[in-house]
């Protein structure tokens, strides 16, 4: 079964209006409201655990299409902002629907797998580094428990981004180093490390 066929199959689980929206987003991202597209995908993922396991593939395809067409990342920003809002309201989500919470965590894992926020082109943007570090602080430990191998692969990219010559800003480099030490310390920040890193960030 080809890649396009698998994407078509996933789209069939949406209502007719959403199917049209997603098909357009995949072919011509500039023709639709990409923040709306992100919300449609997240809403469906929270309701359908089967889709949440594969949604990252669709998100990645839209991101690639938008980048190729306009060199922008409107969809990615909208998607990450929506996921952050869901995380901020996680206790309410878990209380209302345990299945919804499981779908959300599954979707997050899938997104990290496909979006690869630690790729060189992402690490060159402070906004994306800040987003990566923030999300890893919040759910990194849970993600590692679910898939340690993927987390190892992610931190190889983070390490390379920190060590290898790149366009990394001094702030982004500091954030990556803090994250490397945070994981090495068992996803905990020592008082000394907190004082060092966050005094540097505030300066």
N, C-alpha and C. Protein backbone atom coordinates (compact mmCIF):
# COMPACT_ATOMS: atom_id res chain seq x y z
N UNK A 1 0.85 -1.19 0.00
CA UNK A 1 0.00 0.00 0.00
C UNK A 1 0.89 1.24 0.00
N UNK A 2 0.65 2.18 -0.90
CA UNK A 2 1.49 3.36 -1.04
C UNK A 2 1.19 4.39 0.01
N UNK A 3 2.11 5.35 0.14
CA UNK A 3 1.99 6.39 1.15
C UNK A 3 0.72 7.21 0.96
N UNK A 4 0.45 7.61 -0.30
CA UNK A 4 -0.73 8.43 -0.57
C UNK A 4 -2.00 7.69 -0.22
N UNK A 5 -2.03 6.37 -0.48
CA UNK A 5 -3.21 5.58 -0.18
C UNK A 5 -3.46 5.53 1.32
N UNK A 6 -2.39 5.38 2.11
CA UNK A 6 -2.55 5.35 3.55
C UNK A 6 -3.10 6.69 4.05
N UNK A 7 -2.62 7.81 3.49
CA UNK A 7 -3.13 9.12 3.90
C UNK A 7 -4.59 9.27 3.52
N UNK A 8 -4.96 8.81 2.32
CA UNK A 8 -6.36 8.87 1.90
C UNK A 8 -7.23 8.06 2.85
N UNK A 9 -6.74 6.91 3.25
CA UNK A 9 -7.51 6.05 4.16
C UNK A 9 -7.76 6.75 5.49
N UNK A 10 -6.76 7.41 6.01
CA UNK A 10 -6.94 8.10 7.30
C UNK A 10 -7.93 9.25 7.18
N UNK A 11 -7.90 9.93 6.05
CA UNK A 11 -8.81 11.06 5.86
C UNK A 11 -10.26 10.60 5.83
N UNK A 12 -10.50 9.37 5.42
CA UNK A 12 -11.87 8.88 5.32
C UNK A 12 -12.58 8.81 6.67
N UNK A 13 -11.83 8.87 7.76
CA UNK A 13 -12.47 8.80 9.08
C UNK A 13 -13.01 10.17 9.52
N UNK A 14 -12.78 11.22 8.71
CA UNK A 14 -13.29 12.56 9.01
C UNK A 14 -14.63 12.78 8.31
N UNK A 15 -15.35 13.81 8.76
CA UNK A 15 -16.58 14.18 8.06
C UNK A 15 -16.22 14.81 6.71
N UNK A 16 -17.21 14.96 5.85
CA UNK A 16 -16.97 15.39 4.47
C UNK A 16 -16.28 16.76 4.39
N UNK A 17 -16.72 17.71 5.22
CA UNK A 17 -16.13 19.05 5.20
C UNK A 17 -14.66 19.00 5.62
N UNK A 18 -14.37 18.23 6.67
CA UNK A 18 -12.99 18.12 7.15
C UNK A 18 -12.12 17.38 6.14
N UNK A 19 -12.68 16.38 5.47
CA UNK A 19 -11.93 15.67 4.43
C UNK A 19 -11.47 16.64 3.34
N UNK A 20 -12.38 17.49 2.92
CA UNK A 20 -12.06 18.46 1.87
C UNK A 20 -10.97 19.42 2.36
N UNK A 21 -11.09 19.87 3.60
CA UNK A 21 -10.11 20.79 4.19
C UNK A 21 -8.72 20.15 4.23
N UNK A 22 -8.65 18.90 4.68
CA UNK A 22 -7.36 18.22 4.82
C UNK A 22 -6.73 17.91 3.46
N UNK A 23 -7.55 17.49 2.51
CA UNK A 23 -7.02 17.20 1.17
C UNK A 23 -6.43 18.47 0.54
N UNK A 24 -7.11 19.59 0.76
CA UNK A 24 -6.60 20.85 0.22
C UNK A 24 -5.30 21.24 0.92
N UNK A 25 -5.26 21.05 2.25
CA UNK A 25 -4.05 21.38 3.01
C UNK A 25 -2.85 20.57 2.54
N UNK A 26 -3.07 19.33 2.16
CA UNK A 26 -1.99 18.46 1.70
C UNK A 26 -1.49 18.85 0.31
N UNK A 27 -2.40 19.40 -0.51
CA UNK A 27 -2.03 19.73 -1.89
C UNK A 27 -1.69 21.21 -2.07
N UNK A 28 -2.42 22.08 -1.39
CA UNK A 28 -2.24 23.53 -1.56
C UNK A 28 -2.44 24.23 -0.22
N UNK A 29 -1.45 24.16 0.68
CA UNK A 29 -1.60 24.70 2.04
C UNK A 29 -2.00 26.16 2.11
N UNK A 30 -1.55 26.97 1.15
CA UNK A 30 -1.85 28.40 1.20
C UNK A 30 -3.33 28.69 0.95
N UNK A 31 -4.08 27.69 0.49
CA UNK A 31 -5.49 27.90 0.15
C UNK A 31 -6.43 27.71 1.34
N UNK A 32 -5.88 27.30 2.49
CA UNK A 32 -6.74 27.05 3.65
C UNK A 32 -6.17 27.71 4.90
N UNK A 33 -6.99 27.78 5.94
CA UNK A 33 -6.58 28.29 7.24
C UNK A 33 -5.84 27.16 7.96
N UNK A 34 -4.52 27.24 8.04
CA UNK A 34 -3.74 26.13 8.57
C UNK A 34 -3.88 25.97 10.08
N UNK A 35 -4.21 27.03 10.79
CA UNK A 35 -4.47 26.88 12.23
C UNK A 35 -5.75 26.08 12.43
N UNK A 36 -6.72 26.30 11.57
CA UNK A 36 -7.96 25.52 11.63
C UNK A 36 -7.67 24.05 11.33
N UNK A 37 -6.81 23.82 10.35
CA UNK A 37 -6.43 22.45 10.00
C UNK A 37 -5.80 21.75 11.21
N UNK A 38 -4.90 22.46 11.91
CA UNK A 38 -4.26 21.88 13.08
C UNK A 38 -5.28 21.52 14.14
N UNK A 39 -6.25 22.40 14.36
CA UNK A 39 -7.28 22.13 15.36
C UNK A 39 -8.15 20.93 14.97
N UNK A 40 -8.47 20.81 13.69
CA UNK A 40 -9.28 19.68 13.22
C UNK A 40 -8.54 18.36 13.48
N UNK A 41 -7.25 18.34 13.19
CA UNK A 41 -6.46 17.12 13.38
C UNK A 41 -6.35 16.76 14.86
N UNK A 42 -6.09 17.75 15.71
CA UNK A 42 -5.97 17.48 17.14
C UNK A 42 -7.31 17.03 17.71
N UNK A 43 -8.39 17.70 17.34
CA UNK A 43 -9.73 17.32 17.83
C UNK A 43 -10.02 15.87 17.49
N UNK A 44 -9.72 15.47 16.26
CA UNK A 44 -10.01 14.11 15.83
C UNK A 44 -9.10 13.11 16.54
N UNK A 45 -7.86 13.50 16.77
CA UNK A 45 -6.91 12.63 17.46
C UNK A 45 -7.35 12.33 18.89
N UNK A 46 -7.93 13.31 19.56
CA UNK A 46 -8.37 13.12 20.93
C UNK A 46 -9.58 12.19 21.03
N UNK A 47 -10.27 12.00 19.91
CA UNK A 47 -11.46 11.16 19.89
C UNK A 47 -11.21 9.77 19.29
N UNK A 48 -10.14 9.64 18.54
CA UNK A 48 -9.89 8.41 17.79
C UNK A 48 -8.46 7.94 18.04
N UNK A 49 -8.29 6.95 18.92
CA UNK A 49 -6.95 6.48 19.28
C UNK A 49 -6.24 5.79 18.12
N UNK A 50 -7.00 5.22 17.20
CA UNK A 50 -6.38 4.59 16.02
C UNK A 50 -5.73 5.67 15.16
N UNK A 51 -6.47 6.76 14.93
CA UNK A 51 -5.93 7.86 14.14
C UNK A 51 -4.76 8.54 14.84
N UNK A 52 -4.84 8.67 16.18
CA UNK A 52 -3.79 9.36 16.92
C UNK A 52 -2.44 8.68 16.77
N UNK A 53 -2.44 7.37 16.47
CA UNK A 53 -1.19 6.63 16.29
C UNK A 53 -0.51 6.94 14.97
N UNK A 54 -1.29 7.50 14.02
CA UNK A 54 -0.76 7.75 12.68
C UNK A 54 -0.82 9.21 12.26
N UNK A 55 -1.38 10.05 13.12
CA UNK A 55 -1.62 11.44 12.73
C UNK A 55 -0.35 12.21 12.39
N UNK A 56 0.75 11.81 13.00
CA UNK A 56 2.01 12.50 12.74
C UNK A 56 2.40 12.47 11.28
N UNK A 57 2.07 11.39 10.59
CA UNK A 57 2.40 11.27 9.16
C UNK A 57 1.69 12.35 8.36
N UNK A 58 0.40 12.57 8.68
CA UNK A 58 -0.36 13.59 7.98
C UNK A 58 0.18 14.98 8.30
N UNK A 59 0.49 15.23 9.59
CA UNK A 59 1.03 16.52 9.99
C UNK A 59 2.35 16.80 9.29
N UNK A 60 3.19 15.79 9.22
CA UNK A 60 4.49 15.95 8.56
C UNK A 60 4.30 16.28 7.08
N UNK A 61 3.35 15.63 6.43
CA UNK A 61 3.10 15.87 5.01
C UNK A 61 2.65 17.31 4.78
N UNK A 62 1.79 17.83 5.66
CA UNK A 62 1.32 19.21 5.52
C UNK A 62 2.46 20.19 5.76
N UNK A 63 3.29 19.92 6.76
CA UNK A 63 4.43 20.78 7.04
C UNK A 63 5.38 20.83 5.86
N UNK A 64 5.64 19.67 5.27
CA UNK A 64 6.53 19.60 4.11
C UNK A 64 5.95 20.36 2.93
N UNK A 65 4.65 20.19 2.71
CA UNK A 65 3.98 20.87 1.60
C UNK A 65 4.02 22.38 1.78
N UNK A 66 3.78 22.86 3.01
CA UNK A 66 3.81 24.30 3.28
C UNK A 66 5.22 24.86 3.11
N UNK A 67 6.21 24.13 3.60
CA UNK A 67 7.59 24.58 3.49
C UNK A 67 8.03 24.67 2.03
N UNK A 68 7.63 23.68 1.25
CA UNK A 68 8.00 23.66 -0.17
C UNK A 68 7.30 24.79 -0.93
N UNK A 69 6.06 25.05 -0.57
CA UNK A 69 5.27 26.04 -1.29
C UNK A 69 5.62 27.47 -0.91
N UNK A 70 5.77 27.72 0.41
CA UNK A 70 5.94 29.10 0.87
C UNK A 70 7.12 29.32 1.81
N UNK A 71 7.79 28.24 2.19
CA UNK A 71 8.91 28.38 3.11
C UNK A 71 8.49 28.87 4.49
N UNK A 72 7.27 28.58 4.89
CA UNK A 72 6.75 29.04 6.18
C UNK A 72 6.43 27.85 7.08
N UNK A 73 6.03 28.15 8.34
CA UNK A 73 5.70 27.08 9.29
C UNK A 73 4.47 27.45 10.11
N UNK A 74 3.46 27.98 9.44
CA UNK A 74 2.23 28.39 10.11
C UNK A 74 1.54 27.18 10.73
N UNK A 75 1.47 26.10 9.97
CA UNK A 75 0.79 24.90 10.48
C UNK A 75 1.52 24.34 11.69
N UNK A 76 2.84 24.25 11.62
CA UNK A 76 3.61 23.70 12.74
C UNK A 76 3.40 24.53 14.01
N UNK A 77 3.44 25.85 13.88
CA UNK A 77 3.23 26.70 15.06
C UNK A 77 1.83 26.51 15.63
N UNK A 78 0.84 26.47 14.74
CA UNK A 78 -0.54 26.28 15.19
C UNK A 78 -0.72 24.95 15.90
N UNK A 79 -0.09 23.91 15.35
CA UNK A 79 -0.19 22.58 15.93
C UNK A 79 0.44 22.53 17.32
N UNK A 80 1.65 23.06 17.43
CA UNK A 80 2.35 23.03 18.72
C UNK A 80 1.66 23.89 19.76
N UNK A 81 1.12 25.03 19.35
CA UNK A 81 0.38 25.88 20.28
C UNK A 81 -0.86 25.18 20.81
N UNK A 82 -1.57 24.47 19.92
CA UNK A 82 -2.77 23.76 20.35
C UNK A 82 -2.42 22.62 21.31
N UNK A 83 -1.34 21.90 21.01
CA UNK A 83 -0.93 20.81 21.88
C UNK A 83 -0.50 21.32 23.25
N UNK A 84 0.12 22.50 23.27
CA UNK A 84 0.52 23.09 24.54
C UNK A 84 -0.71 23.46 25.36
N UNK A 85 -1.74 23.99 24.71
CA UNK A 85 -2.97 24.33 25.42
C UNK A 85 -3.62 23.08 26.02
N UNK A 86 -3.61 21.98 25.26
CA UNK A 86 -4.17 20.74 25.76
C UNK A 86 -3.38 20.24 26.97
N UNK A 87 -2.06 20.41 26.92
CA UNK A 87 -1.25 19.98 28.06
C UNK A 87 -1.54 20.83 29.28
N UNK A 88 -1.70 22.13 29.10
CA UNK A 88 -2.00 23.01 30.22
C UNK A 88 -3.32 22.61 30.89
N UNK A 89 -4.24 22.04 30.11
CA UNK A 89 -5.55 21.62 30.64
C UNK A 89 -5.61 20.10 30.84
N UNK A 90 -4.45 19.47 31.04
CA UNK A 90 -4.37 18.00 31.08
C UNK A 90 -5.19 17.38 32.20
N UNK A 91 -5.22 18.03 33.38
CA UNK A 91 -5.97 17.44 34.49
C UNK A 91 -7.46 17.39 34.17
N UNK A 92 -7.95 18.43 33.54
CA UNK A 92 -9.35 18.45 33.13
C UNK A 92 -9.62 17.39 32.07
N UNK A 93 -8.67 17.25 31.13
CA UNK A 93 -8.82 16.25 30.08
C UNK A 93 -8.86 14.84 30.67
N UNK A 94 -7.95 14.56 31.60
CA UNK A 94 -7.90 13.23 32.22
C UNK A 94 -9.16 12.95 33.02
N UNK A 95 -9.69 13.98 33.70
CA UNK A 95 -10.90 13.79 34.51
C UNK A 95 -12.12 13.54 33.63
N UNK A 96 -12.17 14.22 32.49
CA UNK A 96 -13.32 14.09 31.60
C UNK A 96 -13.27 12.82 30.76
N UNK A 97 -12.06 12.45 30.32
CA UNK A 97 -11.93 11.30 29.42
C UNK A 97 -10.54 10.69 29.51
N UNK A 98 -10.45 9.53 30.13
CA UNK A 98 -9.16 8.85 30.21
C UNK A 98 -8.71 8.44 28.81
N UNK A 99 -9.66 8.03 27.97
CA UNK A 99 -9.32 7.66 26.60
C UNK A 99 -8.76 8.86 25.85
N UNK A 100 -9.36 10.04 26.07
CA UNK A 100 -8.86 11.25 25.42
C UNK A 100 -7.43 11.55 25.83
N UNK A 101 -7.11 11.32 27.11
CA UNK A 101 -5.75 11.57 27.61
C UNK A 101 -4.77 10.59 26.95
N UNK A 102 -5.17 9.32 26.86
CA UNK A 102 -4.31 8.31 26.22
C UNK A 102 -4.09 8.67 24.75
N UNK A 103 -5.14 9.11 24.09
CA UNK A 103 -5.02 9.53 22.68
C UNK A 103 -4.06 10.71 22.56
N UNK A 104 -4.16 11.65 23.50
CA UNK A 104 -3.30 12.83 23.47
C UNK A 104 -1.83 12.44 23.61
N UNK A 105 -1.51 11.58 24.59
CA UNK A 105 -0.13 11.15 24.80
C UNK A 105 0.38 10.39 23.57
N UNK A 106 -0.47 9.54 23.00
CA UNK A 106 -0.09 8.80 21.80
C UNK A 106 0.21 9.75 20.65
N UNK A 107 -0.63 10.75 20.50
CA UNK A 107 -0.45 11.74 19.44
C UNK A 107 0.85 12.52 19.62
N UNK A 108 1.16 12.91 20.88
CA UNK A 108 2.39 13.62 21.18
C UNK A 108 3.60 12.79 20.77
N UNK A 109 3.59 11.51 21.13
CA UNK A 109 4.70 10.63 20.75
C UNK A 109 4.85 10.56 19.24
N UNK A 110 3.73 10.45 18.55
CA UNK A 110 3.75 10.36 17.09
C UNK A 110 4.26 11.65 16.46
N UNK A 111 3.86 12.78 17.04
CA UNK A 111 4.30 14.08 16.53
C UNK A 111 5.81 14.24 16.70
N UNK A 112 6.32 13.87 17.88
CA UNK A 112 7.77 13.96 18.10
C UNK A 112 8.52 13.08 17.12
N UNK A 113 7.93 11.95 16.79
CA UNK A 113 8.57 11.03 15.86
C UNK A 113 8.68 11.64 14.47
N UNK A 114 7.62 12.28 14.01
CA UNK A 114 7.59 12.78 12.64
C UNK A 114 8.11 14.21 12.47
N UNK A 115 7.85 15.08 13.43
CA UNK A 115 8.23 16.48 13.25
C UNK A 115 9.72 16.71 13.42
N UNK A 116 10.35 15.84 14.20
CA UNK A 116 11.80 15.94 14.36
C UNK A 116 12.24 17.37 14.66
N UNK A 117 11.79 17.90 15.79
CA UNK A 117 12.09 19.28 16.15
C UNK A 117 13.58 19.53 16.37
N UNK A 118 14.36 18.45 16.45
CA UNK A 118 15.79 18.63 16.69
C UNK A 118 16.61 18.57 15.41
N UNK A 119 15.97 18.62 14.25
CA UNK A 119 16.72 18.67 13.00
C UNK A 119 17.46 20.00 12.90
N UNK A 120 18.60 20.04 12.18
CA UNK A 120 19.41 21.27 12.10
C UNK A 120 18.62 22.52 11.73
N UNK A 121 17.70 22.40 10.75
CA UNK A 121 16.96 23.59 10.32
C UNK A 121 16.05 24.12 11.43
N UNK A 122 15.59 23.23 12.33
CA UNK A 122 14.77 23.66 13.46
C UNK A 122 15.62 24.26 14.56
N UNK A 123 16.80 23.67 14.80
CA UNK A 123 17.66 24.17 15.86
C UNK A 123 18.23 25.55 15.56
N UNK A 124 18.15 25.98 14.31
CA UNK A 124 18.65 27.30 13.95
C UNK A 124 17.66 28.39 14.31
N UNK A 125 16.46 27.99 14.77
CA UNK A 125 15.43 28.97 15.13
C UNK A 125 15.19 28.92 16.64
N UNK A 126 15.45 30.01 17.33
CA UNK A 126 15.28 30.04 18.78
C UNK A 126 13.86 29.66 19.20
N UNK A 127 12.88 30.08 18.41
CA UNK A 127 11.48 29.81 18.74
C UNK A 127 11.22 28.30 18.81
N UNK A 128 11.80 27.56 17.87
CA UNK A 128 11.57 26.12 17.84
C UNK A 128 12.39 25.40 18.91
N UNK A 129 13.59 25.89 19.20
CA UNK A 129 14.39 25.31 20.28
C UNK A 129 13.66 25.49 21.60
N UNK A 130 13.12 26.68 21.83
CA UNK A 130 12.39 26.96 23.06
C UNK A 130 11.18 26.04 23.19
N UNK A 131 10.49 25.81 22.08
CA UNK A 131 9.32 24.93 22.07
C UNK A 131 9.74 23.50 22.40
N UNK A 132 10.82 23.02 21.77
CA UNK A 132 11.32 21.67 22.01
C UNK A 132 11.67 21.48 23.48
N UNK A 133 12.43 22.41 24.04
CA UNK A 133 12.88 22.31 25.43
C UNK A 133 11.68 22.34 26.38
N UNK A 134 10.73 23.22 26.11
CA UNK A 134 9.55 23.33 26.96
C UNK A 134 8.77 22.02 26.99
N UNK A 135 8.56 21.43 25.81
CA UNK A 135 7.79 20.18 25.75
C UNK A 135 8.54 19.03 26.39
N UNK A 136 9.85 18.98 26.22
CA UNK A 136 10.62 17.90 26.85
C UNK A 136 10.63 18.04 28.37
N UNK A 137 10.64 19.26 28.87
CA UNK A 137 10.55 19.46 30.31
C UNK A 137 9.23 18.90 30.83
N UNK A 138 8.19 19.04 30.04
CA UNK A 138 6.86 18.64 30.49
C UNK A 138 6.58 17.15 30.32
N UNK A 139 6.92 16.61 29.17
CA UNK A 139 6.53 15.22 28.90
C UNK A 139 7.71 14.32 28.52
N UNK A 140 8.94 14.82 28.60
CA UNK A 140 10.09 14.03 28.19
C UNK A 140 10.22 12.72 28.93
N UNK A 141 10.04 12.74 30.24
CA UNK A 141 10.18 11.52 31.04
C UNK A 141 9.15 10.48 30.63
N UNK A 142 7.89 10.92 30.41
CA UNK A 142 6.84 9.99 29.99
C UNK A 142 7.13 9.43 28.60
N UNK A 143 7.60 10.29 27.70
CA UNK A 143 7.90 9.84 26.36
C UNK A 143 9.04 8.81 26.36
N UNK A 144 10.04 9.03 27.21
CA UNK A 144 11.15 8.08 27.27
C UNK A 144 10.69 6.72 27.78
N UNK A 145 9.79 6.71 28.75
CA UNK A 145 9.27 5.45 29.26
C UNK A 145 8.51 4.68 28.18
N UNK A 146 7.85 5.42 27.30
CA UNK A 146 7.06 4.78 26.24
C UNK A 146 7.93 4.32 25.08
N UNK A 147 9.01 5.04 24.81
CA UNK A 147 9.88 4.66 23.69
C UNK A 147 11.28 5.21 23.91
N UNK A 148 12.06 4.48 24.69
CA UNK A 148 13.40 4.92 25.03
C UNK A 148 14.33 5.04 23.83
N UNK A 149 14.13 4.14 22.85
CA UNK A 149 15.00 4.18 21.67
C UNK A 149 14.82 5.47 20.89
N UNK A 150 13.58 5.90 20.73
CA UNK A 150 13.31 7.15 20.03
C UNK A 150 13.89 8.34 20.78
N UNK A 151 13.81 8.28 22.11
CA UNK A 151 14.36 9.38 22.90
C UNK A 151 15.88 9.42 22.75
N UNK A 152 16.51 8.25 22.69
CA UNK A 152 17.96 8.22 22.45
C UNK A 152 18.29 8.87 21.12
N UNK A 153 17.50 8.56 20.09
CA UNK A 153 17.73 9.13 18.76
C UNK A 153 17.55 10.64 18.78
N UNK A 154 16.53 11.10 19.51
CA UNK A 154 16.28 12.54 19.61
C UNK A 154 17.46 13.25 20.27
N UNK A 155 17.99 12.65 21.33
CA UNK A 155 19.08 13.31 22.05
C UNK A 155 20.41 13.22 21.31
N UNK A 156 20.54 12.29 20.40
CA UNK A 156 21.72 12.29 19.52
C UNK A 156 21.67 13.54 18.63
N UNK A 157 20.48 13.86 18.13
CA UNK A 157 20.31 15.06 17.31
C UNK A 157 20.56 16.32 18.14
N UNK A 158 20.05 16.33 19.38
CA UNK A 158 20.26 17.49 20.25
C UNK A 158 21.74 17.66 20.56
N UNK A 159 22.41 16.56 20.86
CA UNK A 159 23.85 16.62 21.15
C UNK A 159 24.63 17.13 19.94
N UNK A 160 24.31 16.59 18.76
CA UNK A 160 25.01 17.03 17.55
C UNK A 160 24.74 18.50 17.27
N UNK A 161 23.50 18.92 17.50
CA UNK A 161 23.16 20.33 17.28
C UNK A 161 23.94 21.24 18.21
N UNK A 162 24.18 20.75 19.43
CA UNK A 162 24.93 21.55 20.39
C UNK A 162 26.43 21.57 20.06
N UNK A 163 26.98 20.42 19.62
CA UNK A 163 28.42 20.30 19.43
C UNK A 163 28.91 20.73 18.05
N UNK A 164 28.12 20.43 17.02
CA UNK A 164 28.60 20.67 15.66
C UNK A 164 28.41 22.13 15.27
N UNK A 165 29.26 22.63 14.36
CA UNK A 165 29.12 24.03 13.89
C UNK A 165 27.77 24.25 13.22
N UNK A 166 26.97 25.14 13.77
CA UNK A 166 25.66 25.47 13.21
C UNK A 166 25.43 26.96 13.37
N UNK A 167 24.24 27.41 12.96
CA UNK A 167 23.86 28.81 13.15
C UNK A 167 23.18 29.02 14.50
N UNK A 168 23.43 28.12 15.44
CA UNK A 168 22.79 28.17 16.75
C UNK A 168 23.15 29.46 17.48
N UNK A 169 22.14 30.11 18.04
CA UNK A 169 22.41 31.30 18.86
C UNK A 169 22.94 30.86 20.22
N UNK A 170 23.52 31.78 20.95
CA UNK A 170 24.06 31.44 22.28
C UNK A 170 22.94 31.01 23.23
N UNK A 171 21.75 31.61 23.11
CA UNK A 171 20.63 31.23 23.96
C UNK A 171 20.16 29.82 23.62
N UNK A 172 20.03 29.52 22.33
CA UNK A 172 19.59 28.20 21.92
C UNK A 172 20.60 27.14 22.37
N UNK A 173 21.88 27.44 22.26
CA UNK A 173 22.92 26.49 22.69
C UNK A 173 22.83 26.24 24.20
N UNK A 174 22.57 27.31 24.96
CA UNK A 174 22.42 27.17 26.41
C UNK A 174 21.22 26.30 26.76
N UNK A 175 20.11 26.51 26.06
CA UNK A 175 18.90 25.72 26.31
C UNK A 175 19.12 24.24 26.02
N UNK A 176 19.84 23.94 24.94
CA UNK A 176 20.12 22.55 24.59
C UNK A 176 21.02 21.89 25.62
N UNK A 177 22.03 22.61 26.08
CA UNK A 177 22.91 22.06 27.10
C UNK A 177 22.13 21.78 28.39
N UNK A 178 21.26 22.70 28.74
CA UNK A 178 20.44 22.49 29.94
C UNK A 178 19.58 21.24 29.80
N UNK A 179 19.02 21.02 28.59
CA UNK A 179 18.17 19.86 28.37
C UNK A 179 18.98 18.57 28.43
N UNK A 180 20.20 18.57 27.89
CA UNK A 180 21.05 17.39 27.94
C UNK A 180 21.35 17.01 29.39
N UNK A 181 21.67 18.01 30.22
CA UNK A 181 21.97 17.75 31.62
C UNK A 181 20.71 17.37 32.40
N UNK A 182 19.57 17.93 32.00
CA UNK A 182 18.29 17.63 32.64
C UNK A 182 17.96 16.14 32.49
N UNK A 183 18.12 15.63 31.27
CA UNK A 183 17.86 14.20 31.06
C UNK A 183 18.89 13.33 31.77
N UNK A 184 20.16 13.73 31.71
CA UNK A 184 21.22 12.96 32.36
C UNK A 184 21.01 12.86 33.87
N UNK A 185 20.33 13.85 34.45
CA UNK A 185 20.06 13.85 35.89
C UNK A 185 18.74 13.16 36.23
N UNK A 186 18.22 12.37 35.29
CA UNK A 186 16.97 11.65 35.55
C UNK A 186 15.74 12.51 35.43
N UNK A 187 15.77 13.48 34.51
CA UNK A 187 14.66 14.41 34.26
C UNK A 187 14.38 15.25 35.50
N UNK A 188 15.44 15.63 36.19
CA UNK A 188 15.31 16.52 37.36
C UNK A 188 16.35 17.63 37.24
N UNK A 189 16.02 18.78 37.76
CA UNK A 189 16.94 19.92 37.77
C UNK A 189 17.44 20.14 39.18
N UNK A 190 18.75 20.10 39.37
CA UNK A 190 19.32 20.38 40.68
C UNK A 190 19.23 21.88 40.96
N UNK A 191 19.20 22.28 42.23
CA UNK A 191 19.16 23.71 42.56
C UNK A 191 20.31 24.49 41.92
N UNK A 192 21.50 23.88 41.91
CA UNK A 192 22.66 24.57 41.33
C UNK A 192 22.49 24.77 39.83
N UNK A 193 21.98 23.72 39.15
CA UNK A 193 21.77 23.82 37.70
C UNK A 193 20.70 24.84 37.39
N UNK A 194 19.62 24.83 38.18
CA UNK A 194 18.54 25.80 37.96
C UNK A 194 19.07 27.23 38.11
N UNK A 195 19.85 27.46 39.14
CA UNK A 195 20.39 28.79 39.37
C UNK A 195 21.29 29.21 38.23
N UNK A 196 22.14 28.28 37.76
CA UNK A 196 23.07 28.62 36.68
C UNK A 196 22.33 28.93 35.38
N UNK A 197 21.50 27.99 34.94
CA UNK A 197 20.88 28.16 33.62
C UNK A 197 19.87 29.29 33.59
N UNK A 198 19.05 29.39 34.60
CA UNK A 198 17.98 30.37 34.52
C UNK A 198 18.45 31.77 34.86
N UNK A 199 19.56 31.88 35.57
CA UNK A 199 20.15 33.21 35.74
C UNK A 199 20.76 33.67 34.42
N UNK A 200 21.33 32.70 33.65
CA UNK A 200 21.89 33.02 32.35
C UNK A 200 20.79 33.44 31.39
N UNK A 201 19.67 32.71 31.42
CA UNK A 201 18.55 33.03 30.51
C UNK A 201 17.97 34.41 30.83
N UNK A 202 17.83 34.71 32.13
CA UNK A 202 17.25 36.01 32.51
C UNK A 202 18.19 37.15 32.15
N UNK A 203 19.51 36.88 32.19
CA UNK A 203 20.46 37.91 31.80
C UNK A 203 20.39 38.19 30.31
